[in-house]
Amino acid sequence: MSQYVFKMPDLGEGTVDAEIVAWHTKPGDAVTEDQLIVEVMTDKAAVEVPAPVSGRVVSITGAPGDKVAVGSPLIVFDVGEGAAADGGAGQPAHVPPSAPGPTIAGSAAKPAALNAASAPSPAKTAAPTAASAPVKGTAPLPAAPAARQGRVMASPANRRRAREAGIDLSTVAGSGPGGRILRGDLLAAGPYSAKARAAQAAQGGPDVPAETSEIKVIGVRRLIAERMSEAKRNIPHFAYVEEVDVTELESLRQHLNLSRPADAASLSYLPLVVMALTRVLESFPQCNVLYDVARGVLVRYRGAHVGIATQTPDGLKVPVLRNAQSLGLWEVAAEIRRLAERARANKATRDELVGSTITVTSLGKLGGIASTPIINAPEVAIIGLNKAIERPVVHQGAVAVRRIMNLSSSFDHRFVDGYDAAAMIQALKDLLEHPATIFIPKVKSQ
């Protein structure tokens, strides 16, 4: 048998490890060169890794959620003659001692040998008793281990639970100190266990819902959790909410939609807000920066690279609209739509997901009255759009029905003073309330 050890590749930009998101093969499978074998996640983006050779999979390293260091063995192939042809007929080859890579603490399952060593030894099944009879309405449970000799250790509450569930405590292996039976042991042994539910399903009996379920935090959701925690922990957020009368903006939006290009989607507020934001940043360049914490330097940008917070099936992603200040309205709208579609389809490239200098986030009709968005580090500002609704307000000395929308924004108070943050949002408000001014070229001072 000739083996080929494929190691975790260097995915660029200083990546030192990658998280396993999903395996698309398993030991014993036959794969061909360039076939997708695993999906991994770096701190930047999801990456699909193809097979470098054709052959039969001998072993894989890591389960979904585990991290594997760059250069560590990822998958071992048998590339000997006929390896790809015999498929999974043969037994997987012995896993080399160097194959397992580093994993997140506590995330890897126990090895099969360890589980076998810790499991109770097989024995004849004890005769069923009244205490071990199944609960009414449930399917018979799989045969239980033989009754233990000696005293059964369990709390009064767990003894009561066992009686109510019809579980014979002498047949339950306790996982607590000294073999004490814990609540989890009862759940694993009783009518709510996975085995019991499987038996019920096989016999067509009623399905008893599990009391709890566990969802492993991996992939994009793990990355979101880490970044949000880090941003909230390290950045002193300064929130600023302002009310904006978007009645005229709504009128302009409807007028533009009536005359939009044939291939253009209906115009929302978002492209108009992005256009106005690029104009405002010309006067507030301190809000269009990235903070390089390693060097203690603020990197100021001339171009506005606007991150568009996008909800996807995998969680929140922020594709980047680059040099938005140089695009026209319909170009901005088309690019936002293209980036959002690619992000939702998990087709956005690494370059499309990094490099934003300021982020705009909107929940559309679910936007609520106000929010406190978390800054997309290393940026120093984020602009949030809330729901636009019609309500009575005082307008030009009289009560009138106007369309009102709040801007909820957050700033890094280390680098953006409260006055500057308020002044920037007031400037943005002025453009949105008089939308024709968004498109008037700025007069350069002599």
Protein backbone atom coordinates (compact mmCIF):
# COMPACT_ATOMS: atom_id res chain seq x y z
CA MET A 1 0.00 0.00 0.00
CA SER A 2 1.36 3.38 -1.06
CA GLN A 3 0.15 6.28 1.08
CA TYR A 4 -0.04 10.00 0.32
CA VAL A 5 -0.33 12.34 3.32
CA PHE A 6 -2.04 15.60 2.39
CA LYS A 7 -1.34 18.39 4.88
CA MET A 8 -3.43 21.46 5.68
CA PRO A 9 -2.41 23.94 2.96
CA ASP A 10 -1.30 27.51 3.56
CA LEU A 11 -4.43 29.52 2.73
CA GLY A 12 -2.61 32.86 2.67
CA GLU A 13 -2.66 36.15 4.60
CA GLY A 14 -0.83 34.80 7.62
CA THR A 15 -3.24 31.94 8.27
CA VAL A 16 -1.80 29.57 10.89
CA ASP A 17 -4.73 27.16 11.16
CA ALA A 18 -8.18 26.49 9.74
CA GLU A 19 -11.37 25.12 11.21
CA ILE A 20 -13.04 22.03 9.78
CA VAL A 21 -16.56 23.02 8.71
CA ALA A 22 -17.70 19.90 6.85
CA TRP A 23 -16.12 16.74 5.50
CA HIS A 24 -17.34 15.59 2.08
CA THR A 25 -15.61 12.23 2.29
CA LYS A 26 -14.83 9.59 4.90
CA PRO A 27 -12.34 6.73 5.42
CA GLY A 28 -12.91 4.01 2.86
CA ASP A 29 -14.28 6.33 0.16
CA ALA A 30 -12.72 6.42 -3.28
CA VAL A 31 -12.04 9.95 -4.53
CA THR A 32 -10.71 11.42 -7.74
CA GLU A 33 -8.28 14.27 -8.17
CA ASP A 34 -9.90 17.73 -7.75
CA GLN A 35 -12.98 16.24 -6.07
CA LEU A 36 -14.18 18.34 -3.11
CA ILE A 37 -13.07 16.60 0.09
CA VAL A 38 -13.42 19.15 2.90
CA GLU A 39 -14.68 22.64 3.62
CA VAL A 40 -12.61 24.72 6.03
CA MET A 41 -12.95 28.18 7.55
CA THR A 42 -10.17 30.67 8.16
CA ASP A 43 -10.51 33.99 9.95
CA LYS A 44 -11.29 35.51 6.56
CA ALA A 45 -13.53 33.20 4.55
CA ALA A 46 -14.73 29.66 3.85
CA VAL A 47 -12.49 27.63 1.55
CA GLU A 48 -13.31 24.43 -0.36
CA VAL A 49 -10.34 22.07 -0.51
CA PRO A 50 -10.13 19.61 -3.44
CA ALA A 51 -8.36 16.24 -3.44
CA PRO A 52 -4.75 16.57 -4.64
CA VAL A 53 -4.66 12.97 -5.92
CA SER A 54 -6.94 10.09 -6.77
CA GLY A 55 -7.14 7.19 -4.34
CA ARG A 56 -8.92 5.71 -1.36
CA VAL A 57 -9.26 7.68 1.87
CA VAL A 58 -7.38 5.97 4.70
CA SER A 59 -7.91 8.50 7.50
CA ILE A 60 -9.01 12.06 8.12
CA THR A 61 -7.98 14.51 10.83
CA GLY A 62 -10.50 16.46 12.89
CA ALA A 63 -14.25 16.68 13.17
CA PRO A 64 -16.39 19.73 12.26
CA GLY A 65 -15.43 22.49 14.67
CA ASP A 66 -11.85 21.28 15.16
CA LYS A 67 -8.90 23.43 14.13
CA VAL A 68 -6.00 21.96 12.19
CA ALA A 69 -2.69 23.80 11.96
CA VAL A 70 -1.22 24.67 8.58
CA GLY A 71 1.29 21.94 7.68
CA SER A 72 -0.34 19.28 9.87
CA PRO A 73 -1.66 16.05 8.29
CA LEU A 74 -5.24 16.58 7.10
CA ILE A 75 -6.09 13.44 5.14
CA VAL A 76 -4.23 10.25 4.18
CA PHE A 77 -4.83 8.57 0.81
CA ASP A 78 -4.00 5.08 -0.40
CA VAL A 79 -2.74 5.77 -3.91
CA GLY A 80 -1.59 2.24 -4.64
CA GLU A 81 -2.65 0.42 -7.79
CA GLY A 82 -6.39 -0.31 -7.66
CA ALA A 83 -6.95 1.82 -4.56
CA ALA A 84 -9.49 4.08 -6.25
CA ALA A 85 -11.24 1.14 -7.87
CA ASP A 86 -11.89 -0.95 -4.76
CA GLY A 87 -13.74 1.94 -3.12
CA GLY A 88 -14.75 1.26 0.45
CA ALA A 89 -14.63 -2.54 0.19
CA GLY A 90 -11.46 -2.86 2.22
CA GLN A 91 -10.84 -1.81 5.79
CA PRO A 92 -9.31 1.65 6.34
CA ALA A 93 -5.57 1.48 6.72
CA HIS A 94 -3.86 2.09 10.04
CA VAL A 95 -3.81 5.78 10.91
CA PRO A 96 -0.25 7.07 11.21
CA PRO A 97 0.62 8.38 14.71
CA SER A 98 1.25 11.82 13.21
CA ALA A 99 -2.15 12.04 11.51
CA PRO A 100 -4.29 13.58 14.29
CA GLY A 101 -3.90 17.36 14.30
CA PRO A 102 -4.58 19.93 17.01
CA THR A 103 -8.23 20.38 17.96
CA ILE A 104 -10.25 22.83 20.03
CA ALA A 105 -10.22 21.74 23.64
CA GLY A 106 -13.18 19.55 24.46
CA SER A 107 -14.54 19.46 20.92
CA ALA A 108 -13.21 16.11 19.74
CA ALA A 109 -15.16 12.93 20.43
CA LYS A 110 -13.61 10.24 22.61
CA PRO A 111 -11.69 7.61 20.65
CA ALA A 112 -13.61 4.41 20.05
CA ALA A 113 -11.08 2.40 22.09
CA LEU A 114 -11.60 4.66 25.09
CA ASN A 115 -15.36 4.36 24.81
CA ALA A 116 -15.10 0.59 24.60
CA ALA A 117 -12.83 0.43 27.64
CA SER A 118 -15.15 2.58 29.76
CA ALA A 119 -18.39 0.84 28.71
CA PRO A 120 -19.94 -1.83 30.97
CA SER A 121 -18.91 -5.36 30.08
CA PRO A 122 -21.53 -7.44 28.25
CA ALA A 123 -23.65 -9.69 30.42
CA LYS A 124 -26.91 -11.55 30.33
CA THR A 125 -29.90 -9.26 30.40
CA ALA A 126 -31.77 -9.18 33.67
CA ALA A 127 -35.37 -10.34 33.64
CA PRO A 128 -37.79 -7.44 33.25
CA THR A 129 -39.43 -6.19 36.38
CA ALA A 130 -42.31 -3.85 37.06
CA ALA A 131 -39.85 -1.02 37.64
CA SER A 132 -38.21 -1.58 34.26
CA ALA A 133 -41.42 -1.77 32.22
CA PRO A 134 -41.65 0.86 29.51
CA VAL A 135 -43.71 3.98 30.03
CA LYS A 136 -47.21 3.74 28.56
CA GLY A 137 -47.29 4.93 24.97
CA THR A 138 -43.60 4.26 24.28
CA ALA A 139 -41.93 1.45 22.37
CA PRO A 140 -40.01 -1.24 24.26
CA LEU A 141 -36.46 -0.15 24.98
CA PRO A 142 -33.35 -2.02 23.91
CA ALA A 143 -32.11 -4.63 26.35
CA ALA A 144 -30.48 -2.99 29.37
CA PRO A 145 -27.23 -4.04 31.02
CA ALA A 146 -27.36 -6.54 33.82
CA ALA A 147 -28.38 -5.22 37.24
CA ARG A 148 -25.53 -4.01 39.42
CA GLN A 149 -24.82 -5.65 42.73
CA GLY A 150 -24.59 -3.48 45.82
CA ARG A 151 -25.95 -0.05 46.69
CA VAL A 152 -27.18 2.27 43.92
CA MET A 153 -26.00 5.87 44.41
CA ALA A 154 -28.50 8.51 43.26
CA SER A 155 -30.09 11.65 44.70
CA PRO A 156 -33.73 11.57 45.87
CA ALA A 157 -34.71 13.75 42.88
CA ASN A 158 -33.11 11.35 40.41
CA ARG A 159 -34.70 8.37 42.15
CA ARG A 160 -38.09 10.06 41.69
CA ARG A 161 -37.34 10.74 38.02
CA ALA A 162 -36.37 7.10 37.55
CA ARG A 163 -39.63 5.90 39.12
CA GLU A 164 -41.70 8.23 36.94
CA ALA A 165 -39.87 7.10 33.80
CA GLY A 166 -39.98 3.40 34.69
CA ILE A 167 -36.19 3.07 34.82
CA ASP A 168 -34.51 0.42 36.98
CA LEU A 169 -31.61 2.30 38.58
CA SER A 170 -29.66 -0.93 39.05
CA THR A 171 -29.30 -1.14 35.26
CA VAL A 172 -28.00 2.43 34.81
CA ALA A 173 -24.27 3.14 34.71
CA GLY A 174 -23.55 6.26 36.77
CA SER A 175 -21.05 8.79 35.47
CA GLY A 176 -20.76 10.80 38.70
CA PRO A 177 -18.22 10.45 41.53
CA GLY A 178 -18.13 6.91 42.85
CA GLY A 179 -20.60 5.79 40.19
CA ARG A 180 -23.35 8.18 41.32
CA ILE A 181 -26.21 8.33 38.82
CA LEU A 182 -26.72 11.81 37.41
CA ARG A 183 -29.68 13.26 35.53
CA GLY A 184 -27.85 12.91 32.23
CA ASP A 185 -27.45 9.18 32.87
CA LEU A 186 -31.22 8.88 33.23
CA LEU A 187 -31.83 10.79 30.01
CA ALA A 188 -29.44 8.49 28.18
CA ALA A 189 -31.11 5.36 29.57
CA GLY A 190 -34.77 6.33 29.66
CA PRO A 191 -37.63 6.68 27.17
CA TYR A 192 -36.25 10.03 25.97
CA SER A 193 -32.93 8.56 24.86
CA ALA A 194 -31.82 8.47 21.25
CA LYS A 195 -32.11 4.65 21.21
CA ALA A 196 -35.65 4.77 22.55
CA ARG A 197 -36.72 7.37 20.00
CA ALA A 198 -35.15 5.33 17.22
CA ALA A 199 -37.06 2.24 18.37
CA GLN A 200 -40.29 4.24 18.46
CA ALA A 201 -39.70 5.56 14.96
CA ALA A 202 -38.97 2.04 13.67
CA GLN A 203 -42.24 0.72 15.11
CA GLY A 204 -44.29 3.76 14.08
CA GLY A 205 -44.93 4.81 17.68
CA PRO A 206 -45.33 8.42 18.82
CA ASP A 207 -42.09 10.39 18.76
CA VAL A 208 -41.18 11.81 22.16
CA PRO A 209 -39.30 15.11 21.69
CA ALA A 210 -35.90 15.39 23.30
CA GLU A 211 -35.68 17.63 26.35
CA THR A 212 -32.60 19.39 24.97
CA SER A 213 -30.49 19.48 21.84
CA GLU A 214 -26.91 20.57 21.26
CA ILE A 215 -25.68 22.67 18.35
CA LYS A 216 -21.94 22.86 17.87
CA VAL A 217 -20.71 26.40 17.25
CA ILE A 218 -18.54 26.11 14.16
CA GLY A 219 -17.78 27.85 10.88
CA VAL A 220 -19.19 31.32 10.25
CA ARG A 221 -21.20 31.31 13.49
CA ARG A 222 -18.03 30.65 15.54
CA LEU A 223 -16.20 33.40 13.66
CA ILE A 224 -19.06 35.84 14.27
CA ALA A 225 -19.12 34.97 17.97
CA GLU A 226 -15.37 35.51 18.35
CA ARG A 227 -15.32 38.81 16.46
CA MET A 228 -18.38 40.25 18.18
CA SER A 229 -17.01 39.33 21.61
CA GLU A 230 -13.62 40.83 20.81
CA ALA A 231 -15.14 44.04 19.41
CA LYS A 232 -17.49 44.56 22.32
CA ARG A 233 -14.78 43.75 24.86
CA ASN A 234 -12.03 45.94 23.38
CA ILE A 235 -13.87 48.89 21.81
CA PRO A 236 -15.54 51.58 23.96
CA HIS A 237 -18.70 52.01 21.89
CA PHE A 238 -20.35 55.43 21.66
CA ALA A 239 -23.93 55.11 20.38
CA TYR A 240 -25.76 57.96 18.67
CA VAL A 241 -29.38 57.79 17.42
CA GLU A 242 -30.92 60.49 15.22
CA GLU A 243 -34.38 60.84 13.71
CA VAL A 244 -34.47 61.51 9.96
CA ASP A 245 -37.42 62.69 7.85
CA VAL A 246 -37.12 60.57 4.71
CA THR A 247 -40.38 61.70 3.08
CA GLU A 248 -38.58 63.33 0.16
CA LEU A 249 -36.13 60.44 -0.07
CA GLU A 250 -39.08 58.04 -0.37
CA SER A 251 -40.60 60.20 -3.10
CA LEU A 252 -37.31 60.17 -5.01
CA ARG A 253 -36.94 56.42 -4.54
CA GLN A 254 -40.39 55.74 -5.98
CA HIS A 255 -39.76 58.09 -8.92
CA LEU A 256 -36.44 56.41 -9.73
CA ASN A 257 -38.00 52.94 -9.54
CA LEU A 258 -40.54 53.95 -12.20
CA SER A 259 -37.73 54.78 -14.62
CA ARG A 260 -35.14 52.22 -13.54
CA PRO A 261 -33.17 50.23 -16.13
CA ALA A 262 -34.86 47.07 -17.36
CA ASP A 263 -32.29 44.79 -15.72
CA ALA A 264 -32.20 46.70 -12.40
CA ALA A 265 -33.91 45.53 -9.22
CA SER A 266 -36.21 47.79 -7.26
CA LEU A 267 -34.27 50.53 -5.46
CA SER A 268 -34.21 50.44 -1.66
CA TYR A 269 -32.97 53.06 0.81
CA LEU A 270 -29.59 51.34 1.17
CA PRO A 271 -27.93 52.54 -2.08
CA LEU A 272 -29.12 56.09 -1.43
CA VAL A 273 -27.73 56.01 2.11
CA VAL A 274 -24.41 54.64 0.83
CA MET A 275 -24.22 57.44 -1.75
CA ALA A 276 -24.90 60.06 0.93
CA LEU A 277 -22.38 58.43 3.30
CA THR A 278 -19.57 58.64 0.74
CA ARG A 279 -20.22 62.39 0.43
CA VAL A 280 -20.19 62.86 4.21
CA LEU A 281 -16.92 60.97 4.67
CA GLU A 282 -15.15 63.59 2.57
CA SER A 283 -15.68 66.00 5.48
CA PHE A 284 -15.19 63.40 8.25
CA PRO A 285 -12.17 61.34 7.18
CA GLN A 286 -11.52 60.38 10.84
CA CYS A 287 -14.50 58.01 10.55
CA ASN A 288 -13.14 56.26 7.46
CA VAL A 289 -10.15 54.61 9.11
CA LEU A 290 -8.91 51.26 10.37
CA TYR A 291 -7.10 50.87 13.67
CA ASP A 292 -3.97 48.72 13.42
CA VAL A 293 -3.76 47.61 17.04
CA ALA A 294 -0.45 45.81 16.57
CA ARG A 295 1.31 49.00 15.44
CA GLY A 296 -0.88 51.48 17.31
CA VAL A 297 -1.63 53.31 14.05
CA LEU A 298 -4.82 54.67 12.49
CA VAL A 299 -4.82 53.99 8.75
CA ARG A 300 -6.87 56.66 6.98
CA TYR A 301 -8.37 55.91 3.54
CA ARG A 302 -9.24 58.25 0.70
CA GLY A 303 -11.65 55.78 -0.89
CA ALA A 304 -14.83 54.67 0.86
CA HIS A 305 -14.84 50.88 1.02
CA VAL A 306 -18.30 50.31 2.48
CA GLY A 307 -19.10 47.02 4.21
CA ILE A 308 -22.68 45.88 3.64
CA ALA A 309 -23.88 43.76 6.58
CA THR A 310 -25.74 40.85 4.96
CA GLN A 311 -27.79 38.14 6.62
CA THR A 312 -27.09 34.70 5.14
CA PRO A 313 -28.11 31.13 6.02
CA ASP A 314 -24.68 30.76 7.67
CA GLY A 315 -24.93 33.98 9.68
CA LEU A 316 -23.95 37.61 9.21
CA LYS A 317 -21.38 38.37 6.51
CA VAL A 318 -19.99 41.75 5.43
CA PRO A 319 -19.12 41.88 1.71
CA VAL A 320 -17.30 45.05 0.66
CA LEU A 321 -18.41 47.68 -1.84
CA ARG A 322 -15.05 49.08 -2.90
CA ASN A 323 -14.52 52.74 -3.87
CA ALA A 324 -18.21 53.48 -3.52
CA GLN A 325 -17.49 57.20 -3.91
CA SER A 326 -16.62 56.67 -7.58
CA LEU A 327 -19.84 54.79 -8.50
CA GLY A 328 -23.19 56.08 -9.71
CA LEU A 329 -26.45 55.25 -7.94
CA TRP A 330 -27.46 52.34 -10.15
CA GLU A 331 -23.91 50.98 -10.06
CA VAL A 332 -24.01 51.07 -6.24
CA ALA A 333 -27.40 49.33 -6.21
CA ALA A 334 -26.25 46.64 -8.65
CA GLU A 335 -23.01 45.98 -6.79
CA ILE A 336 -24.78 45.74 -3.42
CA ARG A 337 -27.22 43.24 -4.91
CA ARG A 338 -24.41 41.20 -6.53
CA LEU A 339 -22.34 41.06 -3.35
CA ALA A 340 -25.35 40.12 -1.22
CA GLU A 341 -26.32 37.29 -3.58
CA ARG A 342 -22.79 35.90 -3.60
CA ALA A 343 -22.56 36.09 0.18
CA ARG A 344 -25.89 34.27 0.66
CA ALA A 345 -24.86 31.58 -1.83
CA ASN A 346 -21.52 31.18 -0.01
CA LYS A 347 -19.68 32.12 -3.20
CA ALA A 348 -18.08 35.38 -2.04
CA THR A 349 -14.31 35.39 -2.42
CA ARG A 350 -11.85 36.35 0.29
CA ASP A 351 -11.24 39.71 -1.41
CA GLU A 352 -14.98 40.44 -1.42
CA LEU A 353 -15.21 39.89 2.35
CA VAL A 354 -12.23 41.88 3.64
CA GLY A 355 -11.01 45.47 3.52
CA SER A 356 -14.07 47.51 4.47
CA THR A 357 -13.39 50.89 6.11
CA ILE A 358 -16.91 51.60 7.41
CA THR A 359 -20.01 49.39 7.60
CA VAL A 360 -23.71 50.00 6.96
CA THR A 361 -26.22 47.63 8.53
CA SER A 362 -29.97 47.47 7.98
CA LEU A 363 -32.71 45.14 9.12
CA GLY A 364 -35.19 46.58 6.65
CA LYS A 365 -38.81 46.22 7.78
CA LEU A 366 -37.58 44.52 10.98
CA GLY A 367 -35.38 47.50 11.82
CA GLY A 368 -37.28 48.58 14.93
CA ILE A 369 -37.09 52.03 16.47
CA ALA A 370 -33.44 52.05 17.52
CA SER A 371 -30.49 49.68 17.85
CA THR A 372 -26.89 49.69 19.07
CA PRO A 373 -24.84 47.99 16.32
CA ILE A 374 -21.46 46.52 17.21
CA ILE A 375 -18.49 47.98 15.34
CA ASN A 376 -16.92 45.77 12.69
CA ALA A 377 -13.33 45.92 13.97
CA PRO A 378 -10.81 47.21 12.99
CA GLU A 379 -13.18 49.92 11.70
CA VAL A 380 -14.15 52.79 14.00
CA ALA A 381 -17.75 53.45 12.88
CA ILE A 382 -20.90 51.63 11.84
CA ILE A 383 -24.14 53.18 10.54
CA GLY A 384 -27.43 51.41 11.26
CA LEU A 385 -30.73 51.94 9.44
CA ASN A 386 -33.96 51.40 11.34
CA LYS A 387 -37.49 50.94 10.05
CA ALA A 388 -39.05 53.82 8.09
CA ILE A 389 -42.67 54.44 9.13
CA GLU A 390 -45.25 57.15 8.62
CA ARG A 391 -46.28 59.03 11.75
CA PRO A 392 -47.59 62.49 12.71
CA VAL A 393 -44.87 65.08 13.33
CA VAL A 394 -44.66 68.87 13.44
CA HIS A 395 -43.51 69.99 9.99
CA GLN A 396 -43.21 73.67 9.07
CA GLY A 397 -45.36 74.71 12.02
CA ALA A 398 -48.19 72.22 11.45
CA VAL A 399 -48.89 68.58 12.30
CA ALA A 400 -48.35 66.43 9.22
CA VAL A 401 -47.86 62.78 8.37
CA ARG A 402 -44.22 62.25 7.43
CA ARG A 403 -42.08 59.17 6.82
CA ILE A 404 -39.53 58.93 9.63
CA MET A 405 -36.49 56.68 9.95
CA ASN A 406 -33.91 56.56 12.71
CA LEU A 407 -30.17 56.23 12.16
CA SER A 408 -28.59 54.18 14.96
CA SER A 409 -24.82 54.39 14.81
CA SER A 410 -21.84 53.38 16.92
CA PHE A 411 -18.36 54.90 17.03
CA ASP A 412 -15.06 53.92 18.62
CA HIS A 413 -14.80 56.56 21.33
CA ARG A 414 -11.03 56.16 21.50
CA PHE A 415 -10.64 57.82 18.11
CA VAL A 416 -13.96 59.52 17.31
CA ASP A 417 -15.08 62.23 19.74
CA GLY A 418 -18.75 62.57 20.55
CA TYR A 419 -18.96 65.96 18.83
CA ASP A 420 -17.49 64.62 15.60
CA ALA A 421 -19.80 61.58 15.66
CA ALA A 422 -22.87 63.78 16.15
CA ALA A 423 -21.73 66.24 13.47
CA MET A 424 -21.21 63.43 10.97
CA ILE A 425 -24.69 61.97 11.53
CA GLN A 426 -26.24 65.46 11.31
CA ALA A 427 -24.50 65.97 7.96
CA LEU A 428 -25.79 62.59 6.78
CA LYS A 429 -29.28 63.52 7.98
CA ASP A 430 -29.18 66.78 6.03
CA LEU A 431 -28.36 64.97 2.78
CA LEU A 432 -31.06 62.34 3.30
CA GLU A 433 -33.71 64.92 4.12
CA HIS A 434 -32.77 66.90 0.98
CA PRO A 435 -31.81 64.02 -1.34
CA ALA A 436 -31.19 66.19 -4.41
CA THR A 437 -28.05 67.47 -2.67
CA ILE A 438 -26.58 63.96 -2.69
CA PHE A 439 -25.97 64.30 -6.40
CA ILE A 440 -24.67 67.87 -6.50
CA PRO A 441 -20.89 67.84 -7.11
CA LYS A 442 -18.91 69.27 -4.24
CA VAL A 443 -17.28 72.60 -5.03
CA LYS A 444 -13.56 72.37 -4.38
CA SER A 445 -12.08 75.29 -2.46
CA GLN A 446 -9.48 77.36 -4.29
